[in-house]
Amino acid sequence: MTIRRVDPMSAARLVGTLYALLGFLVGAGVTAAATLFSTYFGPAYQPGWGSWRMLFGAGAILGMPVLYGAIGFLGALLLTALYNWLAGLVGGIVVDVE
């Protein structure tokens, strides 16, 4: 069996969704870190900055999935289109299945 072509939009949707989930996990980690730092290091050392750190953390949990998803979508779209072009020139990937 030879993979001769991959539909760029289907691959881009799948990879974009996977990257959005990854971005959610990264955003949750950034949110946890921002909350921790705003609690322990915010008001005592820099008055007024604690709320900004909390806002940054909340923005991360919303913004990171969108950013990661968009980058994954565009990257997969570009790479599958490039794969399809190169597979036409040199042949596809041969896969043995049982």
PDB file of N, CA and C in Angstrom:
ATOM      1  N   MET A   1       0.846  -1.158   0.000  1.00  0.00           N
ATOM      2  CA  MET A   1       0.000   0.000   0.000  1.00  0.00           C
ATOM      3  C   MET A   1       0.905   1.238   0.000  1.00  0.00           C
ATOM      4  N   THR A   2       0.568   2.191  -0.852  1.00  0.00           N
ATOM      5  CA  THR A   2       1.349   3.415  -0.962  1.00  0.00           C
ATOM      6  C   THR A   2       0.446   4.621  -0.698  1.00  0.00           C
ATOM      7  N   ILE A   3       0.878   5.487   0.188  1.00  0.00           N
ATOM      8  CA  ILE A   3       0.154   6.722   0.438  1.00  0.00           C
ATOM      9  C   ILE A   3       0.609   7.725  -0.613  1.00  0.00           C
ATOM     10  N   ARG A   4      -0.272   8.019  -1.547  1.00  0.00           N
ATOM     11  CA  ARG A   4       0.077   8.919  -2.643  1.00  0.00           C
ATOM     12  C   ARG A   4      -0.379  10.352  -2.397  1.00  0.00           C
ATOM     13  N   ARG A   5      -1.413  10.513  -1.610  1.00  0.00           N
ATOM     14  CA  ARG A   5      -1.941  11.857  -1.368  1.00  0.00           C
ATOM     15  C   ARG A   5      -2.622  11.915  -0.013  1.00  0.00           C
ATOM     16  N   VAL A   6      -2.463  13.033   0.659  1.00  0.00           N
ATOM     17  CA  VAL A   6      -3.135  13.310   1.918  1.00  0.00           C
ATOM     18  C   VAL A   6      -3.945  14.585   1.704  1.00  0.00           C
ATOM     19  N   ASP A   7      -5.230  14.551   2.078  1.00  0.00           N
ATOM     20  CA  ASP A   7      -6.055  15.741   1.939  1.00  0.00           C
ATOM     21  C   ASP A   7      -5.573  16.801   2.929  1.00  0.00           C
ATOM     22  N   PRO A   8      -5.086  17.939   2.420  1.00  0.00           N
ATOM     23  CA  PRO A   8      -4.522  18.945   3.317  1.00  0.00           C
ATOM     24  C   PRO A   8      -5.510  19.481   4.357  1.00  0.00           C
ATOM     25  N   MET A   9      -6.768  19.703   3.968  1.00  0.00           N
ATOM     26  CA  MET A   9      -7.721  20.260   4.928  1.00  0.00           C
ATOM     27  C   MET A   9      -8.057  19.270   6.047  1.00  0.00           C
ATOM     28  N   SER A  10      -8.178  17.985   5.726  1.00  0.00           N
ATOM     29  CA  SER A  10      -8.488  17.017   6.779  1.00  0.00           C
ATOM     30  C   SER A  10      -7.314  16.870   7.736  1.00  0.00           C
ATOM     31  N   ALA A  11      -6.101  16.856   7.194  1.00  0.00           N
ATOM     32  CA  ALA A  11      -4.921  16.779   8.063  1.00  0.00           C
ATOM     33  C   ALA A  11      -4.786  18.043   8.904  1.00  0.00           C
ATOM     34  N   ALA A  12      -5.062  19.201   8.295  1.00  0.00           N
ATOM     35  CA  ALA A  12      -4.951  20.464   9.012  1.00  0.00           C
ATOM     36  C   ALA A  12      -5.982  20.549  10.144  1.00  0.00           C
ATOM     37  N   ARG A  13      -7.205  20.076   9.893  1.00  0.00           N
ATOM     38  CA  ARG A  13      -8.229  20.080  10.947  1.00  0.00           C
ATOM     39  C   ARG A  13      -7.817  19.196  12.112  1.00  0.00           C
ATOM     40  N   LEU A  14      -7.314  18.007  11.793  1.00  0.00           N
ATOM     41  CA  LEU A  14      -6.910  17.072  12.841  1.00  0.00           C
ATOM     42  C   LEU A  14      -5.745  17.627  13.650  1.00  0.00           C
ATOM     43  N   VAL A  15      -4.709  18.079  12.978  1.00  0.00           N
ATOM     44  CA  VAL A  15      -3.536  18.593  13.684  1.00  0.00           C
ATOM     45  C   VAL A  15      -3.872  19.885  14.420  1.00  0.00           C
ATOM     46  N   GLY A  16      -4.698  20.744  13.822  1.00  0.00           N
ATOM     47  CA  GLY A  16      -5.112  21.975  14.505  1.00  0.00           C
ATOM     48  C   GLY A  16      -5.854  21.682  15.792  1.00  0.00           C
ATOM     49  N   THR A  17      -6.711  20.670  15.770  1.00  0.00           N
ATOM     50  CA  THR A  17      -7.441  20.287  16.977  1.00  0.00           C
ATOM     51  C   THR A  17      -6.497  19.717  18.039  1.00  0.00           C
ATOM     52  N   LEU A  18      -5.563  18.887  17.607  1.00  0.00           N
ATOM     53  CA  LEU A  18      -4.586  18.337  18.554  1.00  0.00           C
ATOM     54  C   LEU A  18      -3.747  19.443  19.186  1.00  0.00           C
ATOM     55  N   TYR A  19      -3.328  20.396  18.382  1.00  0.00           N
ATOM     56  CA  TYR A  19      -2.532  21.497  18.915  1.00  0.00           C
ATOM     57  C   TYR A  19      -3.365  22.388  19.831  1.00  0.00           C
ATOM     58  N   ALA A  20      -4.646  22.562  19.534  1.00  0.00           N
ATOM     59  CA  ALA A  20      -5.514  23.345  20.419  1.00  0.00           C
ATOM     60  C   ALA A  20      -5.629  22.671  21.786  1.00  0.00           C
ATOM     61  N   LEU A  21      -5.754  21.336  21.798  1.00  0.00           N
ATOM     62  CA  LEU A  21      -5.783  20.615  23.075  1.00  0.00           C
ATOM     63  C   LEU A  21      -4.460  20.764  23.814  1.00  0.00           C
ATOM     64  N   LEU A  22      -3.364  20.687  23.074  1.00  0.00           N
ATOM     65  CA  LEU A  22      -2.054  20.897  23.685  1.00  0.00           C
ATOM     66  C   LEU A  22      -1.947  22.316  24.226  1.00  0.00           C
ATOM     67  N   GLY A  23      -2.449  23.284  23.479  1.00  0.00           N
ATOM     68  CA  GLY A  23      -2.438  24.678  23.934  1.00  0.00           C
ATOM     69  C   GLY A  23      -3.262  24.874  25.192  1.00  0.00           C
ATOM     70  N   PHE A  24      -4.369  24.138  25.310  1.00  0.00           N
ATOM     71  CA  PHE A  24      -5.164  24.210  26.530  1.00  0.00           C
ATOM     72  C   PHE A  24      -4.352  23.726  27.726  1.00  0.00           C
ATOM     73  N   LEU A  25      -3.621  22.630  27.556  1.00  0.00           N
ATOM     74  CA  LEU A  25      -2.792  22.116  28.649  1.00  0.00           C
ATOM     75  C   LEU A  25      -1.681  23.096  29.008  1.00  0.00           C
ATOM     76  N   VAL A  26      -1.034  23.661  28.000  1.00  0.00           N
ATOM     77  CA  VAL A  26       0.023  24.641  28.253  1.00  0.00           C
ATOM     78  C   VAL A  26      -0.574  25.886  28.910  1.00  0.00           C
ATOM     79  N   GLY A  27      -1.724  26.339  28.408  1.00  0.00           N
ATOM     80  CA  GLY A  27      -2.391  27.501  28.994  1.00  0.00           C
ATOM     81  C   GLY A  27      -2.783  27.268  30.442  1.00  0.00           C
ATOM     82  N   ALA A  28      -3.231  26.066  30.756  1.00  0.00           N
ATOM     83  CA  ALA A  28      -3.574  25.741  32.145  1.00  0.00           C
ATOM     84  C   ALA A  28      -2.328  25.795  33.031  1.00  0.00           C
ATOM     85  N   GLY A  29      -1.210  25.321  32.513  1.00  0.00           N
ATOM     86  CA  GLY A  29       0.041  25.397  33.271  1.00  0.00           C
ATOM     87  C   GLY A  29       0.496  26.828  33.481  1.00  0.00           C
ATOM     88  N   VAL A  30       0.378  27.654  32.443  1.00  0.00           N
ATOM     89  CA  VAL A  30       0.745  29.068  32.568  1.00  0.00           C
ATOM     90  C   VAL A  30      -0.183  29.757  33.562  1.00  0.00           C
ATOM     91  N   THR A  31      -1.465  29.423  33.510  1.00  0.00           N
ATOM     92  CA  THR A  31      -2.422  30.000  34.455  1.00  0.00           C
ATOM     93  C   THR A  31      -2.080  29.622  35.886  1.00  0.00           C
ATOM     94  N   ALA A  32      -1.755  28.354  36.097  1.00  0.00           N
ATOM     95  CA  ALA A  32      -1.386  27.908  37.444  1.00  0.00           C
ATOM     96  C   ALA A  32      -0.132  28.627  37.922  1.00  0.00           C
ATOM     97  N   ALA A  33       0.860  28.774  37.045  1.00  0.00           N
ATOM     98  CA  ALA A  33       2.091  29.466  37.427  1.00  0.00           C
ATOM     99  C   ALA A  33       1.828  30.944  37.707  1.00  0.00           C
ATOM    100  N   ALA A  34       1.015  31.583  36.869  1.00  0.00           N
ATOM    101  CA  ALA A  34       0.715  33.004  37.082  1.00  0.00           C
ATOM    102  C   ALA A  34      -0.050  33.211  38.382  1.00  0.00           C
ATOM    103  N   THR A  35      -0.963  32.306  38.676  1.00  0.00           N
ATOM    104  CA  THR A  35      -1.714  32.406  39.919  1.00  0.00           C
ATOM    105  C   THR A  35      -0.788  32.216  41.118  1.00  0.00           C
ATOM    106  N   LEU A  36       0.087  31.231  41.020  1.00  0.00           N
ATOM    107  CA  LEU A  36       1.040  30.973  42.103  1.00  0.00           C
ATOM    108  C   LEU A  36       1.951  32.175  42.328  1.00  0.00           C
ATOM    109  N   PHE A  37       2.504  32.719  41.241  1.00  0.00           N
ATOM    110  CA  PHE A  37       3.420  33.853  41.387  1.00  0.00           C
ATOM    111  C   PHE A  37       2.707  35.109  41.844  1.00  0.00           C
ATOM    112  N   SER A  38       1.466  35.298  41.405  1.00  0.00           N
ATOM    113  CA  SER A  38       0.741  36.493  41.858  1.00  0.00           C
ATOM    114  C   SER A  38       0.375  36.380  43.331  1.00  0.00           C
ATOM    115  N   THR A  39       0.156  35.157  43.790  1.00  0.00           N
ATOM    116  CA  THR A  39      -0.186  34.957  45.198  1.00  0.00           C
ATOM    117  C   THR A  39       1.028  35.144  46.096  1.00  0.00           C
ATOM    118  N   TYR A  40       2.165  34.552  45.704  1.00  0.00           N
ATOM    119  CA  TYR A  40       3.328  34.559  46.586  1.00  0.00           C
ATOM    120  C   TYR A  40       4.279  35.728  46.366  1.00  0.00           C
ATOM    121  N   PHE A  41       4.359  36.218  45.123  1.00  0.00           N
ATOM    122  CA  PHE A  41       5.358  37.251  44.837  1.00  0.00           C
ATOM    123  C   PHE A  41       4.750  38.565  44.360  1.00  0.00           C
ATOM    124  N   GLY A  42       3.451  38.637  44.213  1.00  0.00           N
ATOM    125  CA  GLY A  42       2.827  39.813  43.627  1.00  0.00           C
ATOM    126  C   GLY A  42       2.777  41.022  44.530  1.00  0.00           C
ATOM    127  N   PRO A  43       1.793  41.118  45.384  1.00  0.00           N
ATOM    128  CA  PRO A  43       1.573  42.347  46.134  1.00  0.00           C
ATOM    129  C   PRO A  43       2.707  42.714  47.093  1.00  0.00           C
ATOM    130  N   ALA A  44       3.380  41.742  47.656  1.00  0.00           N
ATOM    131  CA  ALA A  44       4.411  42.050  48.646  1.00  0.00           C
ATOM    132  C   ALA A  44       5.625  42.718  48.001  1.00  0.00           C
ATOM    133  N   TYR A  45       5.958  42.336  46.795  1.00  0.00           N
ATOM    134  CA  TYR A  45       7.170  42.843  46.161  1.00  0.00           C
ATOM    135  C   TYR A  45       6.890  43.920  45.114  1.00  0.00           C
ATOM    136  N   GLN A  46       5.747  43.852  44.455  1.00  0.00           N
ATOM    137  CA  GLN A  46       5.403  44.835  43.438  1.00  0.00           C
ATOM    138  C   GLN A  46       3.926  45.180  43.591  1.00  0.00           C
ATOM    139  N   PRO A  47       3.619  46.163  44.372  1.00  0.00           N
ATOM    140  CA  PRO A  47       2.212  46.498  44.595  1.00  0.00           C
ATOM    141  C   PRO A  47       1.477  46.802  43.291  1.00  0.00           C
ATOM    142  N   GLY A  48       0.303  46.218  43.159  1.00  0.00           N
ATOM    143  CA  GLY A  48      -0.514  46.450  41.978  1.00  0.00           C
ATOM    144  C   GLY A  48      -0.307  45.469  40.842  1.00  0.00           C
ATOM    145  N   TRP A  49       0.766  44.687  40.886  1.00  0.00           N
ATOM    146  CA  TRP A  49       1.048  43.755  39.787  1.00  0.00           C
ATOM    147  C   TRP A  49       0.362  42.408  39.957  1.00  0.00           C
ATOM    148  N   GLY A  50      -0.151  42.093  41.120  1.00  0.00           N
ATOM    149  CA  GLY A  50      -0.780  40.794  41.352  1.00  0.00           C
ATOM    150  C   GLY A  50      -1.974  40.559  40.449  1.00  0.00           C
ATOM    151  N   SER A  51      -2.807  41.581  40.291  1.00  0.00           N
ATOM    152  CA  SER A  51      -3.990  41.412  39.434  1.00  0.00           C
ATOM    153  C   SER A  51      -3.601  41.278  37.968  1.00  0.00           C
ATOM    154  N   TRP A  52      -2.538  41.933  37.549  1.00  0.00           N
ATOM    155  CA  TRP A  52      -2.087  41.790  36.157  1.00  0.00           C
ATOM    156  C   TRP A  52      -1.588  40.381  35.883  1.00  0.00           C
ATOM    157  N   ARG A  53      -0.910  39.793  36.852  1.00  0.00           N
ATOM    158  CA  ARG A  53      -0.442  38.420  36.675  1.00  0.00           C
ATOM    159  C   ARG A  53      -1.620  37.452  36.597  1.00  0.00           C
ATOM    160  N   MET A  54      -2.635  37.685  37.399  1.00  0.00           N
ATOM    161  CA  MET A  54      -3.831  36.840  37.349  1.00  0.00           C
ATOM    162  C   MET A  54      -4.519  36.985  35.988  1.00  0.00           C
ATOM    163  N   LEU A  55      -4.589  38.217  35.471  1.00  0.00           N
ATOM    164  CA  LEU A  55      -5.195  38.458  34.170  1.00  0.00           C
ATOM    165  C   LEU A  55      -4.388  37.775  33.072  1.00  0.00           C
ATOM    166  N   PHE A  56      -3.068  37.814  33.161  1.00  0.00           N
ATOM    167  CA  PHE A  56      -2.202  37.134  32.203  1.00  0.00           C
ATOM    168  C   PHE A  56      -2.461  35.633  32.231  1.00  0.00           C
ATOM    169  N   GLY A  57      -2.631  35.074  33.417  1.00  0.00           N
ATOM    170  CA  GLY A  57      -2.898  33.641  33.540  1.00  0.00           C
ATOM    171  C   GLY A  57      -4.228  33.270  32.931  1.00  0.00           C
ATOM    172  N   ALA A  58      -5.266  34.063  33.172  1.00  0.00           N
ATOM    173  CA  ALA A  58      -6.584  33.782  32.600  1.00  0.00           C
ATOM    174  C   ALA A  58      -6.543  33.946  31.083  1.00  0.00           C
ATOM    175  N   GLY A  59      -5.790  34.910  30.596  1.00  0.00           N
ATOM    176  CA  GLY A  59      -5.640  35.093  29.156  1.00  0.00           C
ATOM    177  C   GLY A  59      -4.914  33.925  28.507  1.00  0.00           C
ATOM    178  N   ALA A  60      -3.989  33.322  29.237  1.00  0.00           N
ATOM    179  CA  ALA A  60      -3.231  32.199  28.694  1.00  0.00           C
ATOM    180  C   ALA A  60      -4.119  30.987  28.450  1.00  0.00           C
ATOM    181  N   ILE A  61      -5.052  30.747  29.351  1.00  0.00           N
ATOM    182  CA  ILE A  61      -5.901  29.563  29.195  1.00  0.00           C
ATOM    183  C   ILE A  61      -6.889  29.744  28.042  1.00  0.00           C
ATOM    184  N   LEU A  62      -7.148  30.985  27.652  1.00  0.00           N
ATOM    185  CA  LEU A  62      -7.992  31.245  26.492  1.00  0.00           C
ATOM    186  C   LEU A  62      -7.170  31.436  25.224  1.00  0.00           C
ATOM    187  N   GLY A  63      -6.043  32.111  25.330  1.00  0.00           N
ATOM    188  CA  GLY A  63      -5.248  32.449  24.158  1.00  0.00           C
ATOM    189  C   GLY A  63      -4.362  31.336  23.639  1.00  0.00           C
ATOM    190  N   MET A  64      -3.810  30.538  24.514  1.00  0.00           N
ATOM    191  CA  MET A  64      -2.890  29.483  24.082  1.00  0.00           C
ATOM    192  C   MET A  64      -3.554  28.450  23.172  1.00  0.00           C
ATOM    193  N   PRO A  65      -4.757  27.955  23.479  1.00  0.00           N
ATOM    194  CA  PRO A  65      -5.383  27.006  22.552  1.00  0.00           C
ATOM    195  C   PRO A  65      -5.625  27.607  21.167  1.00  0.00           C
ATOM    196  N   VAL A  66      -6.012  28.876  21.128  1.00  0.00           N
ATOM    197  CA  VAL A  66      -6.242  29.522  19.829  1.00  0.00           C
ATOM    198  C   VAL A  66      -4.926  29.664  19.076  1.00  0.00           C
ATOM    199  N   LEU A  67      -3.885  30.112  19.757  1.00  0.00           N
ATOM    200  CA  LEU A  67      -2.585  30.285  19.122  1.00  0.00           C
ATOM    201  C   LEU A  67      -2.006  28.949  18.665  1.00  0.00           C
ATOM    202  N   TYR A  68      -1.981  27.963  19.535  1.00  0.00           N
ATOM    203  CA  TYR A  68      -1.446  26.650  19.175  1.00  0.00           C
ATOM    204  C   TYR A  68      -2.277  26.010  18.059  1.00  0.00           C
ATOM    205  N   GLY A  69      -3.604  26.119  18.155  1.00  0.00           N
ATOM    206  CA  GLY A  69      -4.466  25.546  17.127  1.00  0.00           C
ATOM    207  C   GLY A  69      -4.226  26.166  15.767  1.00  0.00           C
ATOM    208  N   ALA A  70      -4.084  27.480  15.718  1.00  0.00           N
ATOM    209  CA  ALA A  70      -3.840  28.162  14.446  1.00  0.00           C
ATOM    210  C   ALA A  70      -2.491  27.778  13.862  1.00  0.00           C
ATOM    211  N   ILE A  71      -1.472  27.724  14.699  1.00  0.00           N
ATOM    212  CA  ILE A  71      -0.144  27.339  14.217  1.00  0.00           C
ATOM    213  C   ILE A  71      -0.143  25.895  13.729  1.00  0.00           C
ATOM    214  N   GLY A  72      -0.780  24.994  14.464  1.00  0.00           N
ATOM    215  CA  GLY A  72      -0.862  23.597  14.038  1.00  0.00           C
ATOM    216  C   GLY A  72      -1.638  23.441  12.740  1.00  0.00           C
ATOM    217  N   PHE A  73      -2.744  24.167  12.609  1.00  0.00           N
ATOM    218  CA  PHE A  73      -3.565  24.103  11.397  1.00  0.00           C
ATOM    219  C   PHE A  73      -2.767  24.569  10.184  1.00  0.00           C
ATOM    220  N   LEU A  74      -2.152  25.740  10.295  1.00  0.00           N
ATOM    221  CA  LEU A  74      -1.398  26.283   9.159  1.00  0.00           C
ATOM    222  C   LEU A  74      -0.166  25.427   8.837  1.00  0.00           C
ATOM    223  N   GLY A  75       0.501  24.934   9.859  1.00  0.00           N
ATOM    224  CA  GLY A  75       1.664  24.079   9.630  1.00  0.00           C
ATOM    225  C   GLY A  75       1.297  22.781   8.931  1.00  0.00           C
ATOM    226  N   ALA A  76       0.225  22.143   9.381  1.00  0.00           N
ATOM    227  CA  ALA A  76      -0.200  20.890   8.753  1.00  0.00           C
ATOM    228  C   ALA A  76      -0.691  21.131   7.334  1.00  0.00           C
ATOM    229  N   LEU A  77      -1.382  22.237   7.115  1.00  0.00           N
ATOM    230  CA  LEU A  77      -1.858  22.570   5.769  1.00  0.00           C
ATOM    231  C   LEU A  77      -0.681  22.738   4.817  1.00  0.00           C
ATOM    232  N   LEU A  78       0.328  23.468   5.241  1.00  0.00           N
ATOM    233  CA  LEU A  78       1.510  23.681   4.420  1.00  0.00           C
ATOM    234  C   LEU A  78       2.284  22.383   4.188  1.00  0.00           C
ATOM    235  N   LEU A  79       2.487  21.610   5.256  1.00  0.00           N
ATOM    236  CA  LEU A  79       3.290  20.394   5.129  1.00  0.00           C
ATOM    237  C   LEU A  79       2.594  19.302   4.318  1.00  0.00           C
ATOM    238  N   THR A  80       1.276  19.164   4.436  1.00  0.00           N
ATOM    239  CA  THR A  80       0.599  18.158   3.610  1.00  0.00           C
ATOM    240  C   THR A  80       0.568  18.572   2.150  1.00  0.00           C
ATOM    241  N   ALA A  81       0.428  19.860   1.883  1.00  0.00           N
ATOM    242  CA  ALA A  81       0.494  20.316   0.491  1.00  0.00           C
ATOM    243  C   ALA A  81       1.886  20.063  -0.079  1.00  0.00           C
ATOM    244  N   LEU A  82       2.907  20.320   0.717  1.00  0.00           N
ATOM    245  CA  LEU A  82       4.281  20.044   0.288  1.00  0.00           C
ATOM    246  C   LEU A  82       4.499  18.547   0.085  1.00  0.00           C
ATOM    247  N   TYR A  83       3.953  17.727   0.998  1.00  0.00           N
ATOM    248  CA  TYR A  83       4.069  16.273   0.848  1.00  0.00           C
ATOM    249  C   TYR A  83       3.419  15.816  -0.451  1.00  0.00           C
ATOM    250  N   ASN A  84       2.224  16.301  -0.735  1.00  0.00           N
ATOM    251  CA  ASN A  84       1.530  15.886  -1.952  1.00  0.00           C
ATOM    252  C   ASN A  84       2.332  16.248  -3.202  1.00  0.00           C
ATOM    253  N   TRP A  85       2.945  17.404  -3.192  1.00  0.00           N
ATOM    254  CA  TRP A  85       3.757  17.818  -4.336  1.00  0.00           C
ATOM    255  C   TRP A  85       4.987  16.920  -4.483  1.00  0.00           C
ATOM    256  N   LEU A  86       5.681  16.664  -3.367  1.00  0.00           N
ATOM    257  CA  LEU A  86       6.872  15.815  -3.422  1.00  0.00           C
ATOM    258  C   LEU A  86       6.524  14.361  -3.717  1.00  0.00           C
ATOM    259  N   ALA A  87       5.403  13.877  -3.203  1.00  0.00           N
ATOM    260  CA  ALA A  87       4.998  12.500  -3.482  1.00  0.00           C
ATOM    261  C   ALA A  87       4.709  12.330  -4.966  1.00  0.00           C
ATOM    262  N   GLY A  88       4.232  13.356  -5.633  1.00  0.00           N
ATOM    263  CA  GLY A  88       4.027  13.303  -7.078  1.00  0.00           C
ATOM    264  C   GLY A  88       5.340  13.223  -7.837  1.00  0.00           C
ATOM    265  N   LEU A  89       6.396  13.800  -7.270  1.00  0.00           N
ATOM    266  CA  LEU A  89       7.701  13.781  -7.931  1.00  0.00           C
ATOM    267  C   LEU A  89       8.480  12.499  -7.669  1.00  0.00           C
ATOM    268  N   VAL A  90       8.518  12.067  -6.429  1.00  0.00           N
ATOM    269  CA  VAL A  90       9.388  10.945  -6.065  1.00  0.00           C
ATOM    270  C   VAL A  90       8.624   9.707  -5.612  1.00  0.00           C
ATOM    271  N   GLY A  91       7.316   9.758  -5.552  1.00  0.00           N
ATOM    272  CA  GLY A  91       6.521   8.620  -5.080  1.00  0.00           C
ATOM    273  C   GLY A  91       6.113   8.826  -3.636  1.00  0.00           C
ATOM    274  N   GLY A  92       5.108   8.088  -3.230  1.00  0.00           N
ATOM    275  CA  GLY A  92       4.577   8.245  -1.875  1.00  0.00           C
ATOM    276  C   GLY A  92       5.311   7.382  -0.878  1.00  0.00           C
ATOM    277  N   ILE A  93       4.760   7.276   0.307  1.00  0.00           N
ATOM    278  CA  ILE A  93       5.310   6.449   1.377  1.00  0.00           C
ATOM    279  C   ILE A  93       4.709   5.056   1.247  1.00  0.00           C
ATOM    280  N   VAL A  94       5.548   4.057   1.203  1.00  0.00           N
ATOM    281  CA  VAL A  94       5.086   2.671   1.112  1.00  0.00           C
ATOM    282  C   VAL A  94       4.834   2.162   2.520  1.00  0.00           C
ATOM    283  N   VAL A  95       3.617   1.631   2.737  1.00  0.00           N
ATOM    284  CA  VAL A  95       3.219   1.120   4.041  1.00  0.00           C
ATOM    285  C   VAL A  95       2.810  -0.334   3.857  1.00  0.00           C
ATOM    286  N   ASP A  96       3.425  -1.227   4.644  1.00  0.00           N
ATOM    287  CA  ASP A  96       3.024  -2.632   4.648  1.00  0.00           C
ATOM    288  C   ASP A  96       2.023  -2.840   5.765  1.00  0.00           C
ATOM    289  N   VAL A  97       0.867  -3.388   5.403  1.00  0.00           N
ATOM    290  CA  VAL A  97      -0.152  -3.679   6.404  1.00  0.00           C
ATOM    291  C   VAL A  97      -0.439  -5.176   6.414  1.00  0.00           C
ATOM    292  N   GLU A  98      -0.874  -5.659   7.515  1.00  0.00           N
ATOM    293  CA  GLU A  98      -1.146  -7.088   7.636  1.00  0.00           C
ATOM    294  C   GLU A  98      -2.603  -7.334   7.915  1.00  0.00           C
TER     295      GLU A  98
END
